[in-house]
């Protein structure tokens, strides 16, 4: 990791009547494009699948960060990798053999990550911290955009990094859920490496300006300048 804090706008609340335009609007300010994939079973919502990943891949060179909120990720990681995902995270409780899924993702040339939602204890991640590149800490219960950030979840950022350090590993920590301008400083002070921002960007009348404002504030808070 290079010490840079990255912005990953989530397209969950984007205008899908002009998805290409929405992607182009945020592209200059994005380090990743974040896609929340939900199957209606692991979480109580259905969003989109690999065809949307393919669409996003066609219109941007920004790396695609795919968050799989689905059961049986072993059946799907190859499909999403082929669709253009550069990073794939999945939930530790979504399958029986997380280690094999992590290995499969890496074998496909994609960066593997594990996601953890608020009700799951951190110790369930520990066996895998030496295998993944990043951990996605959910600060809301997964399933719907626009929720309020649960600030107590930010304590998990440092805890994950300490647990990784104990085994000689280093992992990037990504924070997702309710991140907005007013809590961005708190999110960064927790030690976050990548922030996922959704509705506060795509809920704006001027998506490009909203993304630019978040990116500018992110850089200012990180550098102190």
Protein backbone atom coordinates (compact mmCIF):
# COMPACT_ATOMS: atom_id res chain seq x y z
CA UNK A 1 0.00 0.00 0.00
CA UNK A 2 1.26 3.45 -0.95
CA UNK A 3 -0.31 5.45 1.88
CA UNK A 4 -2.91 6.97 -0.43
CA UNK A 5 -6.55 6.87 0.64
CA UNK A 6 -8.69 5.72 -2.26
CA UNK A 7 -12.21 6.65 -3.29
CA UNK A 8 -14.55 3.95 -4.59
CA UNK A 9 -17.90 5.42 -5.66
CA UNK A 10 -20.68 2.83 -5.47
CA UNK A 11 -23.00 2.80 -8.47
CA UNK A 12 -25.88 1.22 -6.51
CA UNK A 13 -27.81 4.51 -6.61
CA UNK A 14 -26.60 5.65 -10.02
CA UNK A 15 -28.97 6.62 -12.84
CA UNK A 16 -29.11 3.39 -14.83
CA UNK A 17 -30.85 5.11 -17.73
CA UNK A 18 -27.44 6.64 -18.45
CA UNK A 19 -24.98 4.40 -16.66
CA UNK A 20 -22.18 5.21 -19.06
CA UNK A 21 -22.66 8.92 -18.44
CA UNK A 22 -22.71 8.38 -14.69
CA UNK A 23 -19.46 6.43 -14.84
CA UNK A 24 -17.80 9.06 -17.00
CA UNK A 25 -18.90 11.77 -14.56
CA UNK A 26 -17.17 10.16 -11.58
CA UNK A 27 -14.22 8.65 -13.46
CA UNK A 28 -11.74 11.52 -12.89
CA UNK A 29 -12.19 11.27 -9.12
CA UNK A 30 -12.36 7.50 -8.71
CA UNK A 31 -9.66 5.02 -7.74
CA UNK A 32 -12.13 2.14 -8.03
CA UNK A 33 -15.69 1.77 -9.25
CA UNK A 34 -17.59 -0.16 -6.57
CA UNK A 35 -20.33 -2.60 -7.56
CA UNK A 36 -22.62 -4.15 -4.94
CA UNK A 37 -23.87 -7.49 -6.24
CA UNK A 38 -26.89 -8.81 -4.29
CA UNK A 39 -28.78 -12.03 -4.94
CA UNK A 40 -31.94 -11.54 -2.89
CA UNK A 41 -31.01 -14.47 -0.65
CA UNK A 42 -27.82 -13.61 1.21
CA UNK A 43 -29.21 -10.08 1.59
CA UNK A 44 -32.82 -8.93 1.16
CA UNK A 45 -32.31 -7.10 -2.12
CA UNK A 46 -31.49 -7.86 -5.75
CA UNK A 47 -29.23 -5.56 -7.73
CA UNK A 48 -27.26 -6.60 -10.77
CA UNK A 49 -24.97 -9.30 -12.15
CA UNK A 50 -22.00 -9.81 -14.45
CA UNK A 51 -23.61 -8.06 -17.42
CA UNK A 52 -23.45 -4.76 -15.55
CA UNK A 53 -19.80 -5.42 -14.71
CA UNK A 54 -19.16 -5.96 -18.42
CA UNK A 55 -20.95 -2.71 -19.22
CA UNK A 56 -18.91 -0.73 -16.71
CA UNK A 57 -15.70 -2.34 -17.98
CA UNK A 58 -16.47 -1.19 -21.51
CA UNK A 59 -16.81 2.47 -20.55
CA UNK A 60 -13.94 2.97 -18.09
CA UNK A 61 -10.39 1.95 -17.32
CA UNK A 62 -10.87 2.58 -13.59
CA UNK A 63 -10.44 -0.74 -11.73
CA UNK A 64 -13.70 -2.45 -10.81
CA UNK A 65 -14.23 -3.37 -7.16
CA UNK A 66 -16.91 -6.10 -6.94
CA UNK A 67 -18.57 -6.76 -3.57
CA UNK A 68 -20.43 -10.07 -3.76
CA UNK A 69 -23.34 -10.27 -1.31
CA UNK A 70 -24.39 -13.66 -2.60
CA UNK A 71 -24.54 -17.28 -1.52
CA UNK A 72 -22.21 -19.82 -3.14
CA UNK A 73 -19.53 -17.41 -4.43
CA UNK A 74 -17.45 -20.36 -5.75
CA UNK A 75 -20.04 -20.70 -8.51
CA UNK A 76 -19.69 -17.05 -9.54
CA UNK A 77 -16.17 -15.73 -9.04
CA UNK A 78 -14.94 -16.91 -12.43
CA UNK A 79 -17.93 -15.30 -14.16
CA UNK A 80 -17.34 -11.96 -12.47
CA UNK A 81 -13.60 -12.13 -13.14
CA UNK A 82 -14.27 -12.77 -16.83
CA UNK A 83 -16.76 -9.89 -16.84
CA UNK A 84 -13.98 -7.53 -15.80
CA UNK A 85 -13.76 -7.37 -12.00
CA UNK A 86 -10.30 -6.35 -10.79
CA UNK A 87 -11.10 -6.92 -7.10
CA UNK A 88 -13.64 -9.33 -5.66
CA UNK A 89 -14.74 -9.44 -2.05
CA UNK A 90 -17.22 -11.92 -0.60
CA UNK A 91 -18.65 -12.53 2.84
CA UNK A 92 -16.98 -15.03 5.13
CA UNK A 93 -20.35 -16.59 5.98
CA UNK A 94 -21.52 -16.92 2.39
CA UNK A 95 -19.80 -20.25 1.76
CA UNK A 96 -18.35 -23.26 3.55
CA UNK A 97 -14.76 -22.99 2.30
CA UNK A 98 -13.61 -19.38 2.15
CA UNK A 99 -9.98 -20.39 1.66
CA UNK A 100 -10.70 -22.15 -1.63
CA UNK A 101 -12.67 -19.14 -2.89
CA UNK A 102 -9.79 -16.82 -2.03
CA UNK A 103 -7.38 -19.09 -3.89
CA UNK A 104 -9.71 -19.27 -6.89
CA UNK A 105 -10.01 -15.48 -7.08
CA UNK A 106 -6.24 -15.03 -6.97
CA UNK A 107 -5.70 -17.75 -9.56
CA UNK A 108 -8.00 -15.80 -11.87
CA UNK A 109 -5.64 -12.82 -11.61
CA UNK A 110 -8.05 -10.84 -9.44
CA UNK A 111 -7.34 -9.28 -6.04
CA UNK A 112 -9.22 -11.21 -3.31
CA UNK A 113 -10.95 -9.66 -0.32
CA UNK A 114 -13.26 -10.67 2.50
CA UNK A 115 -16.25 -8.64 3.66
CA UNK A 116 -17.67 -8.59 7.16
CA UNK A 117 -21.06 -7.24 8.21
CA UNK A 118 -21.86 -5.79 11.65
CA UNK A 119 -23.32 -8.95 13.19
CA UNK A 120 -20.30 -11.12 12.36
CA UNK A 121 -17.50 -11.25 14.97
CA UNK A 122 -14.02 -10.30 13.80
CA UNK A 123 -12.46 -13.58 14.91
CA UNK A 124 -14.13 -15.26 11.92
CA UNK A 125 -11.78 -13.30 9.64
CA UNK A 126 -8.57 -14.17 11.45
CA UNK A 127 -7.79 -17.48 9.71
CA UNK A 128 -7.83 -15.74 6.33
CA UNK A 129 -6.01 -12.45 6.93
CA UNK A 130 -2.75 -13.81 5.54
CA UNK A 131 -4.49 -14.84 2.30
CA UNK A 132 -6.43 -11.74 1.24
CA UNK A 133 -5.36 -8.36 -0.08
CA UNK A 134 -8.13 -6.40 1.59
CA UNK A 135 -10.98 -6.55 4.08
CA UNK A 136 -14.27 -4.75 3.49
CA UNK A 137 -15.72 -3.51 6.79
CA UNK A 138 -19.45 -2.90 6.53
CA UNK A 139 -20.69 -0.02 8.68
CA UNK A 140 -24.32 -0.77 7.87
CA UNK A 141 -26.26 -4.00 7.53
CA UNK A 142 -25.83 -4.98 3.88
CA UNK A 143 -28.71 -4.93 1.46
CA UNK A 144 -29.73 -1.34 0.82
CA UNK A 145 -28.02 1.97 0.07
CA UNK A 146 -28.60 5.22 1.92
CA UNK A 147 -28.31 3.84 5.46
CA UNK A 148 -26.71 5.70 8.37
CA UNK A 149 -23.13 4.76 9.27
CA UNK A 150 -22.71 2.80 12.51
CA UNK A 151 -19.69 4.59 14.04
CA UNK A 152 -18.84 1.73 16.41
CA UNK A 153 -17.98 -0.39 13.37
CA UNK A 154 -15.04 1.90 12.61
CA UNK A 155 -13.17 0.34 15.54
CA UNK A 156 -12.90 -2.75 13.37
CA UNK A 157 -10.54 -1.01 10.94
CA UNK A 158 -7.67 -0.85 13.41
CA UNK A 159 -8.57 -4.23 14.89
CA UNK A 160 -8.28 -5.93 11.50
CA UNK A 161 -4.90 -4.33 10.89
CA UNK A 162 -3.64 -5.38 14.33
CA UNK A 163 -4.85 -8.94 13.81
CA UNK A 164 -3.09 -9.04 10.44
CA UNK A 165 0.13 -7.62 11.89
CA UNK A 166 0.17 -10.35 14.54
CA UNK A 167 0.65 -12.93 11.79
CA UNK A 168 3.04 -10.78 9.78
CA UNK A 169 0.47 -9.79 7.18
CA UNK A 170 -0.64 -6.41 5.87
CA UNK A 171 -4.14 -5.87 4.53
CA UNK A 172 -5.92 -2.89 3.07
CA UNK A 173 -9.16 -2.02 4.85
CA UNK A 174 -12.10 -0.69 2.89
CA UNK A 175 -15.09 0.92 4.63
CA UNK A 176 -18.56 0.77 3.12
CA UNK A 177 -21.91 2.03 4.35
CA UNK A 178 -23.16 5.49 5.19
CA UNK A 179 -19.94 7.33 4.40
CA UNK A 180 -20.62 11.02 3.79
CA UNK A 181 -18.74 14.31 3.91
CA UNK A 182 -19.77 14.91 7.52
CA UNK A 183 -18.27 11.65 8.81
CA UNK A 184 -15.38 11.31 6.39
CA UNK A 185 -12.83 12.59 8.91
CA UNK A 186 -13.97 10.01 11.45
CA UNK A 187 -13.68 7.28 8.81
CA UNK A 188 -10.13 8.32 7.90
CA UNK A 189 -9.03 8.66 11.53
CA UNK A 190 -9.95 4.99 11.96
CA UNK A 191 -7.17 4.11 9.51
CA UNK A 192 -9.29 3.39 6.45
CA UNK A 193 -7.44 2.82 3.16
CA UNK A 194 -10.40 2.90 0.77
CA UNK A 195 -13.77 4.59 1.26
CA UNK A 196 -16.92 3.54 -0.56
CA UNK A 197 -19.30 6.45 -1.12
CA UNK A 198 -22.65 5.92 -2.80
CA UNK A 199 -25.83 7.89 -2.25
CA UNK A 200 -24.11 11.13 -1.25
CA UNK A 201 -22.53 11.19 -4.72
CA UNK A 202 -25.21 9.66 -6.92
CA UNK A 203 -28.06 11.26 -4.99
CA UNK A 204 -26.74 14.68 -5.96
CA UNK A 205 -28.13 16.77 -8.80
CA UNK A 206 -24.55 17.19 -10.06
CA UNK A 207 -22.83 13.83 -9.76
CA UNK A 208 -19.47 15.02 -11.08
CA UNK A 209 -19.34 17.96 -8.67
CA UNK A 210 -20.33 15.73 -5.74
CA UNK A 211 -17.60 13.23 -6.57
CA UNK A 212 -15.07 16.04 -6.98
CA UNK A 213 -16.06 17.49 -3.59
CA UNK A 214 -15.67 14.14 -1.84
CA UNK A 215 -12.32 13.51 -3.49
CA UNK A 216 -11.07 16.98 -2.58
CA UNK A 217 -12.17 16.60 1.03
CA UNK A 218 -10.65 13.13 1.17
CA UNK A 219 -7.29 14.46 0.01
CA UNK A 220 -7.45 17.44 2.35
CA UNK A 221 -8.26 15.35 5.40
CA UNK A 222 -5.60 12.79 4.53
CA UNK A 223 -2.78 15.23 3.86
CA UNK A 224 -3.84 17.98 6.24
CA UNK A 225 -3.42 20.55 3.46
